[in-house]
PDB file of N, CA and C in Angstrom:
ATOM      1  N   MET A   1       1.021  -1.222  -0.233  1.00  0.00           N
ATOM      2  CA  MET A   1      -0.638   0.293  -0.137  1.00  0.00           C
ATOM      3  C   MET A   1       0.889   1.055  -0.085  1.00  0.00           C
ATOM      4  N   ALA A   2       0.778   2.221  -0.964  1.00  0.00           N
ATOM      5  CA  ALA A   2       1.437   3.373  -1.210  1.00  0.00           C
ATOM      6  C   ALA A   2       1.051   4.373  -0.747  1.00  0.00           C
ATOM      7  N   SER A   3       1.456   5.320   0.286  1.00  0.00           N
ATOM      8  CA  SER A   3       1.033   6.559   1.100  1.00  0.00           C
ATOM      9  C   SER A   3       2.222   8.077   1.194  1.00  0.00           C
ATOM     10  N   LYS A   4       1.718   9.120   1.357  1.00  0.00           N
ATOM     11  CA  LYS A   4       2.062  10.141   0.988  1.00  0.00           C
ATOM     12  C   LYS A   4       2.316   9.862   2.580  1.00  0.00           C
ATOM     13  N   LEU A   5       3.295   9.983   2.911  1.00  0.00           N
ATOM     14  CA  LEU A   5       3.959  10.424   4.563  1.00  0.00           C
ATOM     15  C   LEU A   5       5.264  11.212   4.170  1.00  0.00           C
ATOM     16  N   ASN A   6       5.731  11.806   2.990  1.00  0.00           N
ATOM     17  CA  ASN A   6       7.482  12.063   2.934  1.00  0.00           C
ATOM     18  C   ASN A   6       6.865  13.858   4.236  1.00  0.00           C
ATOM     19  N   ARG A   7       8.054  14.662   4.999  1.00  0.00           N
ATOM     20  CA  ARG A   7       7.535  15.462   5.263  1.00  0.00           C
ATOM     21  C   ARG A   7       8.908  16.002   5.050  1.00  0.00           C
ATOM     22  N   PHE A   8       8.860  17.221   5.116  1.00  0.00           N
ATOM     23  CA  PHE A   8       9.928  18.725   5.624  1.00  0.00           C
ATOM     24  C   PHE A   8      10.518  18.552   6.933  1.00  0.00           C
ATOM     25  N   ILE A   9      11.721  18.993   6.583  1.00  0.00           N
ATOM     26  CA  ILE A   9      11.763  19.721   8.177  1.00  0.00           C
ATOM     27  C   ILE A   9      12.677  20.818   8.138  1.00  0.00           C
ATOM     28  N   ILE A  10      12.213  22.877   8.456  1.00  0.00           N
ATOM     29  CA  ILE A  10      12.824  23.667   8.119  1.00  0.00           C
ATOM     30  C   ILE A  10      13.249  24.077   9.384  1.00  0.00           C
ATOM     31  N   SER A  11      14.182  24.937   9.199  1.00  0.00           N
ATOM     32  CA  SER A  11      13.768  25.997  10.745  1.00  0.00           C
ATOM     33  C   SER A  11      13.202  27.020  10.352  1.00  0.00           C
ATOM     34  N   GLU A  12      13.045  27.447  11.394  1.00  0.00           N
ATOM     35  CA  GLU A  12      12.065  28.936  11.669  1.00  0.00           C
ATOM     36  C   GLU A  12      12.271  29.957  10.777  1.00  0.00           C
ATOM     37  N   ASP A  13      13.382  29.962  10.795  1.00  0.00           N
ATOM     38  CA  ASP A  13      14.100  31.533  10.656  1.00  0.00           C
ATOM     39  C   ASP A  13      14.010  31.382   8.937  1.00  0.00           C
ATOM     40  N   LEU A  14      14.094  30.061   8.584  1.00  0.00           N
ATOM     41  CA  LEU A  14      13.741  30.275   7.116  1.00  0.00           C
ATOM     42  C   LEU A  14      12.587  30.762   6.960  1.00  0.00           C
ATOM     43  N   ILE A  15      11.222  31.008   7.180  1.00  0.00           N
ATOM     44  CA  ILE A  15      10.292  31.982   7.088  1.00  0.00           C
ATOM     45  C   ILE A  15      10.025  32.957   7.476  1.00  0.00           C
ATOM     46  N   LEU A  16      11.442  33.313   8.862  1.00  0.00           N
ATOM     47  CA  LEU A  16      10.882  34.299   9.251  1.00  0.00           C
ATOM     48  C   LEU A  16      11.480  36.010   8.528  1.00  0.00           C
ATOM     49  N   ILE A  17      12.803  34.904   7.392  1.00  0.00           N
ATOM     50  CA  ILE A  17      13.611  35.682   6.979  1.00  0.00           C
ATOM     51  C   ILE A  17      13.133  36.100   5.642  1.00  0.00           C
ATOM     52  N   GLY A  18      11.505  35.662   5.404  1.00  0.00           N
ATOM     53  CA  GLY A  18      11.047  36.157   3.835  1.00  0.00           C
ATOM     54  C   GLY A  18      11.226  35.918   3.184  1.00  0.00           C
ATOM     55  N   HIS A  19      11.330  33.824   3.342  1.00  0.00           N
ATOM     56  CA  HIS A  19      11.165  33.022   2.050  1.00  0.00           C
ATOM     57  C   HIS A  19       9.585  32.836   1.845  1.00  0.00           C
ATOM     58  N   ASN A  20       9.770  32.410   0.357  1.00  0.00           N
ATOM     59  CA  ASN A  20       8.272  32.429  -0.014  1.00  0.00           C
ATOM     60  C   ASN A  20       8.518  31.229   0.024  1.00  0.00           C
ATOM     61  N   LEU A  21       7.840  29.578   0.959  1.00  0.00           N
ATOM     62  CA  LEU A  21       8.307  27.823   0.512  1.00  0.00           C
ATOM     63  C   LEU A  21       6.952  27.954  -0.165  1.00  0.00           C
ATOM     64  N   SER A  22       7.148  26.976  -1.167  1.00  0.00           N
ATOM     65  CA  SER A  22       5.962  26.004  -1.718  1.00  0.00           C
ATOM     66  C   SER A  22       6.844  24.695  -1.680  1.00  0.00           C
ATOM     67  N   VAL A  23       5.293  23.328  -1.593  1.00  0.00           N
ATOM     68  CA  VAL A  23       6.166  22.376  -1.966  1.00  0.00           C
ATOM     69  C   VAL A  23       4.967  21.841  -2.763  1.00  0.00           C
ATOM     70  N   MET A  24       5.791  21.041  -3.399  1.00  0.00           N
ATOM     71  CA  MET A  24       5.580  20.123  -4.875  1.00  0.00           C
ATOM     72  C   MET A  24       5.375  18.382  -5.048  1.00  0.00           C
ATOM     73  N   ILE A  25       4.627  17.512  -4.698  1.00  0.00           N
ATOM     74  CA  ILE A  25       4.667  16.540  -4.741  1.00  0.00           C
ATOM     75  C   ILE A  25       4.705  15.842  -6.178  1.00  0.00           C
ATOM     76  N   LEU A  26       5.786  15.591  -6.835  1.00  0.00           N
ATOM     77  CA  LEU A  26       6.042  14.961  -7.529  1.00  0.00           C
ATOM     78  C   LEU A  26       5.513  14.211  -8.485  1.00  0.00           C
ATOM     79  N   PRO A  27       5.196  13.166  -9.224  1.00  0.00           N
ATOM     80  CA  PRO A  27       4.059  12.603 -10.349  1.00  0.00           C
ATOM     81  C   PRO A  27       4.763  10.808  -9.720  1.00  0.00           C
ATOM     82  N   PHE A  28       3.976   9.739  -9.506  1.00  0.00           N
ATOM     83  CA  PHE A  28       4.587   8.726  -8.694  1.00  0.00           C
ATOM     84  C   PHE A  28       4.650   7.791  -9.798  1.00  0.00           C
ATOM     85  N   ARG A  29       6.054   7.152  -9.231  1.00  0.00           N
ATOM     86  CA  ARG A  29       7.261   6.391  -9.630  1.00  0.00           C
ATOM     87  C   ARG A  29       6.586   4.927  -9.979  1.00  0.00           C
ATOM     88  N   GLY A  30       6.067   4.604  -9.776  1.00  0.00           N
ATOM     89  CA  GLY A  30       6.296   3.408  -9.206  1.00  0.00           C
ATOM     90  C   GLY A  30       6.337   2.643  -8.081  1.00  0.00           C
ATOM     91  N   SER A  31       7.462   3.259  -7.666  1.00  0.00           N
ATOM     92  CA  SER A  31       7.923   2.867  -5.741  1.00  0.00           C
ATOM     93  C   SER A  31       6.770   2.993  -4.441  1.00  0.00           C
ATOM     94  N   ASP A  32       7.575   3.342  -3.382  1.00  0.00           N
ATOM     95  CA  ASP A  32       6.327   3.161  -2.193  1.00  0.00           C
ATOM     96  C   ASP A  32       6.623   4.508  -1.964  1.00  0.00           C
ATOM     97  N   HIS A  33       7.060   5.678  -2.768  1.00  0.00           N
ATOM     98  CA  HIS A  33       7.412   7.132  -2.197  1.00  0.00           C
ATOM     99  C   HIS A  33       6.589   7.933  -3.558  1.00  0.00           C
ATOM    100  N   TRP A  34       6.758   9.380  -3.264  1.00  0.00           N
ATOM    101  CA  TRP A  34       6.247   9.732  -3.569  1.00  0.00           C
ATOM    102  C   TRP A  34       7.169  10.807  -3.614  1.00  0.00           C
ATOM    103  N   PRO A  35       8.036  11.469  -4.283  1.00  0.00           N
ATOM    104  CA  PRO A  35       8.453  12.165  -3.937  1.00  0.00           C
ATOM    105  C   PRO A  35       8.419  13.969  -4.613  1.00  0.00           C
ATOM    106  N   ILE A  36       8.977  14.295  -2.930  1.00  0.00           N
ATOM    107  CA  ILE A  36       8.178  15.561  -3.189  1.00  0.00           C
ATOM    108  C   ILE A  36       9.445  16.515  -3.359  1.00  0.00           C
ATOM    109  N   GLN A  37       8.772  17.684  -3.264  1.00  0.00           N
ATOM    110  CA  GLN A  37      10.300  19.232  -4.001  1.00  0.00           C
ATOM    111  C   GLN A  37       9.682  20.163  -2.628  1.00  0.00           C
ATOM    112  N   LEU A  38      10.701  21.323  -2.526  1.00  0.00           N
ATOM    113  CA  LEU A  38      10.611  22.204  -1.397  1.00  0.00           C
ATOM    114  C   LEU A  38      10.979  23.083  -2.735  1.00  0.00           C
ATOM    115  N   GLU A  39      10.416  24.862  -2.586  1.00  0.00           N
ATOM    116  CA  GLU A  39      11.397  25.786  -3.507  1.00  0.00           C
ATOM    117  C   GLU A  39      11.037  27.118  -2.598  1.00  0.00           C
ATOM    118  N   ALA A  40      12.080  27.261  -2.704  1.00  0.00           N
ATOM    119  CA  ALA A  40      12.821  28.506  -1.686  1.00  0.00           C
ATOM    120  C   ALA A  40      13.064  29.865  -2.701  1.00  0.00           C
ATOM    121  N   SER A  41      11.547  30.839  -1.871  1.00  0.00           N
ATOM    122  CA  SER A  41      12.150  31.964  -2.683  1.00  0.00           C
ATOM    123  C   SER A  41      12.491  33.710  -2.248  1.00  0.00           C
ATOM    124  N   PHE A  42      13.076  34.600  -1.821  1.00  0.00           N
ATOM    125  CA  PHE A  42      12.643  35.480  -1.371  1.00  0.00           C
ATOM    126  C   PHE A  42      11.698  36.119  -2.158  1.00  0.00           C
ATOM    127  N   ILE A  43      11.344  36.731  -0.517  1.00  0.00           N
ATOM    128  CA  ILE A  43      10.108  37.827  -1.190  1.00  0.00           C
ATOM    129  C   ILE A  43      10.525  39.473  -1.134  1.00  0.00           C
ATOM    130  N   GLY A  44      11.196  39.572  -0.906  1.00  0.00           N
ATOM    131  CA  GLY A  44      11.780  40.986  -0.803  1.00  0.00           C
ATOM    132  C   GLY A  44      13.773  40.901   0.104  1.00  0.00           C
ATOM    133  N   THR A  45      14.439  41.872   0.681  1.00  0.00           N
ATOM    134  CA  THR A  45      15.083  41.912   0.842  1.00  0.00           C
ATOM    135  C   THR A  45      15.189  43.265   1.893  1.00  0.00           C
ATOM    136  N   PRO A  46      15.285  43.338   3.708  1.00  0.00           N
ATOM    137  CA  PRO A  46      15.624  44.339   3.938  1.00  0.00           C
ATOM    138  C   PRO A  46      15.609  45.630   3.440  1.00  0.00           C
ATOM    139  N   ARG A  47      16.249  45.564   2.510  1.00  0.00           N
ATOM    140  CA  ARG A  47      17.184  46.375   1.671  1.00  0.00           C
ATOM    141  C   ARG A  47      15.332  47.345   0.748  1.00  0.00           C
ATOM    142  N   ASN A  48      14.860  46.429   0.439  1.00  0.00           N
ATOM    143  CA  ASN A  48      14.174  46.584  -0.834  1.00  0.00           C
ATOM    144  C   ASN A  48      12.582  46.006  -0.092  1.00  0.00           C
ATOM    145  N   ARG A  49      12.026  46.324   0.763  1.00  0.00           N
ATOM    146  CA  ARG A  49      10.703  45.313   1.424  1.00  0.00           C
ATOM    147  C   ARG A  49      10.183  45.922   0.877  1.00  0.00           C
ATOM    148  N   PRO A  50       8.491  45.954   0.417  1.00  0.00           N
ATOM    149  CA  PRO A  50       7.425  46.403   0.082  1.00  0.00           C
ATOM    150  C   PRO A  50       6.544  47.547   1.128  1.00  0.00           C
ATOM    151  N   PHE A  51       6.071  48.970   0.109  1.00  0.00           N
ATOM    152  CA  PHE A  51       5.495  49.928   1.104  1.00  0.00           C
ATOM    153  C   PHE A  51       4.674  49.116   1.667  1.00  0.00           C
ATOM    154  N   LYS A  52       4.615  49.766   3.212  1.00  0.00           N
ATOM    155  CA  LYS A  52       3.328  49.695   3.738  1.00  0.00           C
ATOM    156  C   LYS A  52       2.786  50.626   4.152  1.00  0.00           C
ATOM    157  N   PHE A  53       1.366  50.981   4.417  1.00  0.00           N
ATOM    158  CA  PHE A  53       0.797  51.916   4.673  1.00  0.00           C
ATOM    159  C   PHE A  53       0.454  52.005   6.045  1.00  0.00           C
ATOM    160  N   GLU A  54       1.210  52.559   7.831  1.00  0.00           N
ATOM    161  CA  GLU A  54       0.771  52.330   8.044  1.00  0.00           C
ATOM    162  C   GLU A  54      -0.855  52.773   8.928  1.00  0.00           C
ATOM    163  N   ASN A  55      -1.381  52.235   9.690  1.00  0.00           N
ATOM    164  CA  ASN A  55      -2.829  52.920  10.248  1.00  0.00           C
ATOM    165  C   ASN A  55      -1.933  54.503  11.128  1.00  0.00           C
ATOM    166  N   ILE A  56      -1.560  54.274  12.169  1.00  0.00           N
ATOM    167  CA  ILE A  56      -0.577  55.306  12.968  1.00  0.00           C
ATOM    168  C   ILE A  56      -0.439  56.635  12.118  1.00  0.00           C
ATOM    169  N   TRP A  57      -0.576  56.622  10.850  1.00  0.00           N
ATOM    170  CA  TRP A  57      -0.943  57.866  10.314  1.00  0.00           C
ATOM    171  C   TRP A  57      -1.789  58.727  10.092  1.00  0.00           C
ATOM    172  N   LEU A  58      -2.621  58.182  10.288  1.00  0.00           N
ATOM    173  CA  LEU A  58      -4.206  58.568  10.054  1.00  0.00           C
ATOM    174  C   LEU A  58      -4.108  59.192  11.457  1.00  0.00           C
ATOM    175  N   THR A  59      -3.746  58.612  12.538  1.00  0.00           N
ATOM    176  CA  THR A  59      -3.688  59.559  13.734  1.00  0.00           C
ATOM    177  C   THR A  59      -2.875  61.205  13.987  1.00  0.00           C
ATOM    178  N   HIS A  60      -2.153  61.445  12.850  1.00  0.00           N
ATOM    179  CA  HIS A  60      -1.346  62.345  12.716  1.00  0.00           C
ATOM    180  C   HIS A  60      -2.520  63.594  12.387  1.00  0.00           C
ATOM    181  N   PRO A  61      -2.283  64.303  13.420  1.00  0.00           N
ATOM    182  CA  PRO A  61      -3.083  65.889  12.142  1.00  0.00           C
ATOM    183  C   PRO A  61      -3.249  66.390  11.003  1.00  0.00           C
ATOM    184  N   ASP A  62      -1.795  66.579  10.344  1.00  0.00           N
ATOM    185  CA  ASP A  62      -1.374  67.134   9.663  1.00  0.00           C
ATOM    186  C   ASP A  62      -0.996  66.436   8.249  1.00  0.00           C
ATOM    187  N   PHE A  63      -1.485  64.487   8.325  1.00  0.00           N
ATOM    188  CA  PHE A  63      -1.777  63.778   7.878  1.00  0.00           C
ATOM    189  C   PHE A  63      -1.776  63.512   6.125  1.00  0.00           C
ATOM    190  N   ILE A  64      -3.723  64.466   6.551  1.00  0.00           N
ATOM    191  CA  ILE A  64      -4.077  64.986   4.518  1.00  0.00           C
ATOM    192  C   ILE A  64      -3.438  65.590   3.866  1.00  0.00           C
ATOM    193  N   SER A  65      -3.850  66.761   5.168  1.00  0.00           N
ATOM    194  CA  SER A  65      -2.767  68.275   4.408  1.00  0.00           C
ATOM    195  C   SER A  65      -1.578  67.474   4.162  1.00  0.00           C
ATOM    196  N   ASN A  66      -0.430  67.212   4.381  1.00  0.00           N
ATOM    197  CA  ASN A  66       1.088  66.813   3.667  1.00  0.00           C
ATOM    198  C   ASN A  66       0.565  65.746   2.396  1.00  0.00           C
ATOM    199  N   ILE A  67      -0.461  65.019   2.070  1.00  0.00           N
ATOM    200  CA  ILE A  67      -1.232  64.225   0.660  1.00  0.00           C
ATOM    201  C   ILE A  67      -1.247  64.947   0.141  1.00  0.00           C
ATOM    202  N   GLU A  68      -1.953  65.697   0.486  1.00  0.00           N
ATOM    203  CA  GLU A  68      -2.550  66.892  -0.431  1.00  0.00           C
ATOM    204  C   GLU A  68      -1.754  67.663  -1.306  1.00  0.00           C
ATOM    205  N   LYS A  69      -0.117  68.385  -0.475  1.00  0.00           N
ATOM    206  CA  LYS A  69       0.427  68.753  -0.444  1.00  0.00           C
ATOM    207  C   LYS A  69       1.174  68.342  -1.308  1.00  0.00           C
ATOM    208  N   TRP A  70       2.087  66.543  -0.698  1.00  0.00           N
ATOM    209  CA  TRP A  70       3.203  66.280  -1.965  1.00  0.00           C
ATOM    210  C   TRP A  70       1.687  66.149  -3.235  1.00  0.00           C
ATOM    211  N   TRP A  71       0.605  65.428  -3.381  1.00  0.00           N
ATOM    212  CA  TRP A  71       0.004  65.300  -4.846  1.00  0.00           C
ATOM    213  C   TRP A  71       0.593  66.426  -6.018  1.00  0.00           C
ATOM    214  N   THR A  72      -0.248  67.563  -5.385  1.00  0.00           N
ATOM    215  CA  THR A  72       0.023  68.651  -5.783  1.00  0.00           C
ATOM    216  C   THR A  72       0.958  69.151  -5.908  1.00  0.00           C
ATOM    217  N   GLU A  73       2.833  68.820  -6.005  1.00  0.00           N
ATOM    218  CA  GLU A  73       3.962  69.596  -6.008  1.00  0.00           C
ATOM    219  C   GLU A  73       3.894  69.076  -7.246  1.00  0.00           C
ATOM    220  N   ASP A  74       5.220  69.877  -8.204  1.00  0.00           N
ATOM    221  CA  ASP A  74       5.339  69.907  -9.762  1.00  0.00           C
ATOM    222  C   ASP A  74       6.527  68.963  -9.070  1.00  0.00           C
ATOM    223  N   THR A  75       6.022  67.600 -10.043  1.00  0.00           N
ATOM    224  CA  THR A  75       6.778  66.741 -10.781  1.00  0.00           C
ATOM    225  C   THR A  75       8.203  66.649 -11.932  1.00  0.00           C
ATOM    226  N   GLN A  76       8.096  67.959 -12.613  1.00  0.00           N
ATOM    227  CA  GLN A  76       8.081  67.990 -13.660  1.00  0.00           C
ATOM    228  C   GLN A  76       9.061  66.608 -14.717  1.00  0.00           C
ATOM    229  N   PHE A  77       7.956  66.235 -14.825  1.00  0.00           N
ATOM    230  CA  PHE A  77       7.514  64.485 -15.526  1.00  0.00           C
ATOM    231  C   PHE A  77       6.816  64.688 -16.647  1.00  0.00           C
ATOM    232  N   GLN A  78       6.796  64.297 -17.776  1.00  0.00           N
ATOM    233  CA  GLN A  78       6.138  64.255 -19.311  1.00  0.00           C
ATOM    234  C   GLN A  78       5.899  62.449 -19.715  1.00  0.00           C
ATOM    235  N   GLY A  79       4.547  62.787 -20.054  1.00  0.00           N
ATOM    236  CA  GLY A  79       4.165  61.027 -20.630  1.00  0.00           C
ATOM    237  C   GLY A  79       3.045  61.109 -20.607  1.00  0.00           C
ATOM    238  N   THR A  80       3.493  59.043 -20.400  1.00  0.00           N
ATOM    239  CA  THR A  80       1.582  59.502 -20.491  1.00  0.00           C
ATOM    240  C   THR A  80       0.684  59.314 -18.771  1.00  0.00           C
ATOM    241  N   LYS A  81      -0.430  60.206 -19.443  1.00  0.00           N
ATOM    242  CA  LYS A  81      -1.155  59.670 -17.952  1.00  0.00           C
ATOM    243  C   LYS A  81      -0.880  58.265 -17.011  1.00  0.00           C
ATOM    244  N   MET A  82      -1.064  57.382 -17.612  1.00  0.00           N
ATOM    245  CA  MET A  82      -0.041  56.506 -16.874  1.00  0.00           C
ATOM    246  C   MET A  82       0.882  56.127 -16.128  1.00  0.00           C
ATOM    247  N   PHE A  83       1.793  57.156 -16.591  1.00  0.00           N
ATOM    248  CA  PHE A  83       3.405  57.084 -16.361  1.00  0.00           C
ATOM    249  C   PHE A  83       3.234  58.706 -15.612  1.00  0.00           C
ATOM    250  N   LEU A  84       2.639  59.614 -15.778  1.00  0.00           N
ATOM    251  CA  LEU A  84       2.313  60.082 -14.283  1.00  0.00           C
ATOM    252  C   LEU A  84       1.606  60.047 -12.592  1.00  0.00           C
ATOM    253  N   LEU A  85       1.223  59.321 -13.366  1.00  0.00           N
ATOM    254  CA  LEU A  85       0.120  58.691 -12.523  1.00  0.00           C
ATOM    255  C   LEU A  85       1.437  57.870 -11.137  1.00  0.00           C
ATOM    256  N   HIS A  86       2.265  57.371 -12.256  1.00  0.00           N
ATOM    257  CA  HIS A  86       3.181  56.328 -12.056  1.00  0.00           C
ATOM    258  C   HIS A  86       4.409  57.402 -10.813  1.00  0.00           C
ATOM    259  N   GLN A  87       4.387  57.317 -11.123  1.00  0.00           N
ATOM    260  CA  GLN A  87       5.933  58.741 -11.155  1.00  0.00           C
ATOM    261  C   GLN A  87       4.801  59.600  -9.678  1.00  0.00           C
ATOM    262  N   ARG A  88       3.801  60.641  -9.746  1.00  0.00           N
ATOM    263  CA  ARG A  88       3.427  60.508  -8.670  1.00  0.00           C
ATOM    264  C   ARG A  88       3.134  59.792  -7.438  1.00  0.00           C
ATOM    265  N   LEU A  89       2.513  58.759  -7.725  1.00  0.00           N
ATOM    266  CA  LEU A  89       2.770  57.829  -6.548  1.00  0.00           C
ATOM    267  C   LEU A  89       3.962  56.944  -5.645  1.00  0.00           C
ATOM    268  N   LYS A  90       4.908  57.866  -6.785  1.00  0.00           N
ATOM    269  CA  LYS A  90       5.965  56.882  -6.401  1.00  0.00           C
ATOM    270  C   LYS A  90       6.892  57.979  -5.314  1.00  0.00           C
ATOM    271  N   HIS A  91       6.025  59.558  -5.821  1.00  0.00           N
ATOM    272  CA  HIS A  91       6.802  60.586  -5.047  1.00  0.00           C
ATOM    273  C   HIS A  91       6.539  60.691  -3.655  1.00  0.00           C
ATOM    274  N   VAL A  92       5.158  60.696  -3.961  1.00  0.00           N
ATOM    275  CA  VAL A  92       3.680  60.030  -2.332  1.00  0.00           C
ATOM    276  C   VAL A  92       4.598  59.561  -1.478  1.00  0.00           C
ATOM    277  N   LYS A  93       5.370  58.762  -2.463  1.00  0.00           N
ATOM    278  CA  LYS A  93       5.798  57.885  -0.924  1.00  0.00           C
ATOM    279  C   LYS A  93       6.721  57.658  -0.543  1.00  0.00           C
ATOM    280  N   HIS A  94       8.030  58.207  -1.133  1.00  0.00           N
ATOM    281  CA  HIS A  94       8.926  58.677  -0.856  1.00  0.00           C
ATOM    282  C   HIS A  94       9.155  60.029   0.086  1.00  0.00           C
ATOM    283  N   LYS A  95       7.505  60.808  -0.144  1.00  0.00           N
ATOM    284  CA  LYS A  95       7.707  61.840   0.787  1.00  0.00           C
ATOM    285  C   LYS A  95       7.202  61.422   2.411  1.00  0.00           C
ATOM    286  N   LEU A  96       5.942  60.031   2.072  1.00  0.00           N
ATOM    287  CA  LEU A  96       5.776  59.482   2.884  1.00  0.00           C
ATOM    288  C   LEU A  96       6.627  59.212   4.363  1.00  0.00           C
ATOM    289  N   LYS A  97       7.502  57.784   3.335  1.00  0.00           N
ATOM    290  CA  LYS A  97       8.854  57.385   4.165  1.00  0.00           C
ATOM    291  C   LYS A  97       9.452  58.502   4.353  1.00  0.00           C
ATOM    292  N   ASP A  98       9.997  59.228   4.265  1.00  0.00           N
ATOM    293  CA  ASP A  98      10.666  60.536   4.946  1.00  0.00           C
ATOM    294  C   ASP A  98      10.359  61.510   5.990  1.00  0.00           C
ATOM    295  N   TRP A  99       9.121  61.573   5.843  1.00  0.00           N
ATOM    296  CA  TRP A  99       7.958  61.570   7.125  1.00  0.00           C
ATOM    297  C   TRP A  99       8.079  60.975   8.201  1.00  0.00           C
ATOM    298  N   ASN A 100       7.875  59.299   7.718  1.00  0.00           N
ATOM    299  CA  ASN A 100       7.796  58.999   8.501  1.00  0.00           C
ATOM    300  C   ASN A 100       9.088  58.483   9.426  1.00  0.00           C
ATOM    301  N   LYS A 101       9.732  59.070   8.923  1.00  0.00           N
ATOM    302  CA  LYS A 101      11.056  58.644   9.990  1.00  0.00           C
ATOM    303  C   LYS A 101      10.982  59.092  11.043  1.00  0.00           C
ATOM    304  N   ASN A 102      10.693  60.723  10.212  1.00  0.00           N
ATOM    305  CA  ASN A 102      10.886  61.544  11.207  1.00  0.00           C
ATOM    306  C   ASN A 102      10.170  62.601  12.207  1.00  0.00           C
ATOM    307  N   GLU A 103       8.956  61.886  11.525  1.00  0.00           N
ATOM    308  CA  GLU A 103       7.821  62.185  12.683  1.00  0.00           C
ATOM    309  C   GLU A 103       7.328  61.492  13.401  1.00  0.00           C
ATOM    310  N   PHE A 104       7.562  59.822  13.454  1.00  0.00           N
ATOM    311  CA  PHE A 104       7.835  58.869  14.032  1.00  0.00           C
ATOM    312  C   PHE A 104       8.453  57.629  14.504  1.00  0.00           C
ATOM    313  N   GLY A 105       9.705  57.981  13.364  1.00  0.00           N
ATOM    314  CA  GLY A 105      11.042  57.327  13.763  1.00  0.00           C
ATOM    315  C   GLY A 105      10.750  55.900  13.679  1.00  0.00           C
ATOM    316  N   ASN A 106      11.606  55.282  14.100  1.00  0.00           N
ATOM    317  CA  ASN A 106      11.502  53.261  13.724  1.00  0.00           C
ATOM    318  C   ASN A 106      11.116  53.174  14.643  1.00  0.00           C
ATOM    319  N   ILE A 107       9.827  52.834  14.567  1.00  0.00           N
ATOM    320  CA  ILE A 107       8.972  52.612  15.922  1.00  0.00           C
ATOM    321  C   ILE A 107       8.843  50.504  15.910  1.00  0.00           C
ATOM    322  N   PHE A 108      10.158  49.913  15.174  1.00  0.00           N
ATOM    323  CA  PHE A 108       9.794  48.369  15.527  1.00  0.00           C
ATOM    324  C   PHE A 108      11.181  48.420  16.163  1.00  0.00           C
ATOM    325  N   GLU A 109      12.388  49.067  15.954  1.00  0.00           N
ATOM    326  CA  GLU A 109      13.322  49.439  16.778  1.00  0.00           C
ATOM    327  C   GLU A 109      12.514  50.078  17.529  1.00  0.00           C
ATOM    328  N   ALA A 110      11.602  50.503  18.500  1.00  0.00           N
ATOM    329  CA  ALA A 110      11.299  51.238  20.187  1.00  0.00           C
ATOM    330  C   ALA A 110      10.577  49.939  20.168  1.00  0.00           C
ATOM    331  N   LYS A 111       9.840  49.587  19.534  1.00  0.00           N
ATOM    332  CA  LYS A 111       9.409  48.275  20.460  1.00  0.00           C
ATOM    333  C   LYS A 111      10.431  47.064  21.148  1.00  0.00           C
ATOM    334  N   LYS A 112      11.317  46.694  19.793  1.00  0.00           N
ATOM    335  CA  LYS A 112      12.093  45.987  20.296  1.00  0.00           C
ATOM    336  C   LYS A 112      13.010  46.341  21.668  1.00  0.00           C
ATOM    337  N   ALA A 113      13.481  47.520  21.746  1.00  0.00           N
ATOM    338  CA  ALA A 113      13.522  48.752  22.481  1.00  0.00           C
ATOM    339  C   ALA A 113      12.890  48.330  24.264  1.00  0.00           C
ATOM    340  N   VAL A 114      11.330  48.062  24.165  1.00  0.00           N
ATOM    341  CA  VAL A 114      10.453  48.117  24.775  1.00  0.00           C
ATOM    342  C   VAL A 114      10.532  46.613  24.976  1.00  0.00           C
ATOM    343  N   GLU A 115      10.375  45.938  24.548  1.00  0.00           N
ATOM    344  CA  GLU A 115      10.739  44.420  24.796  1.00  0.00           C
ATOM    345  C   GLU A 115      11.933  44.037  25.663  1.00  0.00           C
ATOM    346  N   ARG A 116      12.970  44.539  25.171  1.00  0.00           N
ATOM    347  CA  ARG A 116      14.315  44.341  25.923  1.00  0.00           C
ATOM    348  C   ARG A 116      14.122  44.496  27.533  1.00  0.00           C
ATOM    349  N   LYS A 117      13.347  45.838  27.769  1.00  0.00           N
ATOM    350  CA  LYS A 117      13.607  46.131  28.862  1.00  0.00           C
ATOM    351  C   LYS A 117      12.071  45.072  29.960  1.00  0.00           C
ATOM    352  N   LEU A 118      11.202  44.528  29.219  1.00  0.00           N
ATOM    353  CA  LEU A 118      10.561  43.893  30.092  1.00  0.00           C
ATOM    354  C   LEU A 118      11.033  42.814  30.310  1.00  0.00           C
TER     355      LEU A 118
END
């Protein structure tokens, strides 16, 4: 009787450092085992993290006015409407990242410091 009992053992660090893991059971080849394949790919690196909106920004009294100001700033780009939209979004993203550093600092580092104190 054939059964699918094969397993992978991986460390938790492999998952936590940003790997995307997928397992595929390969075709049965007549043995009493199915070969399995583990694929690991990087989701992103710490230097190239995807942009994430932080809900804490909404609590800041200047958030909406800053977005309006950054959106209407002249970016000096020319091209199709879609290209201009993309450039304007990139511009606002960079402004938001700088503003976040200045207003809130590194909240993740602050959280780690509080956890170490506890």
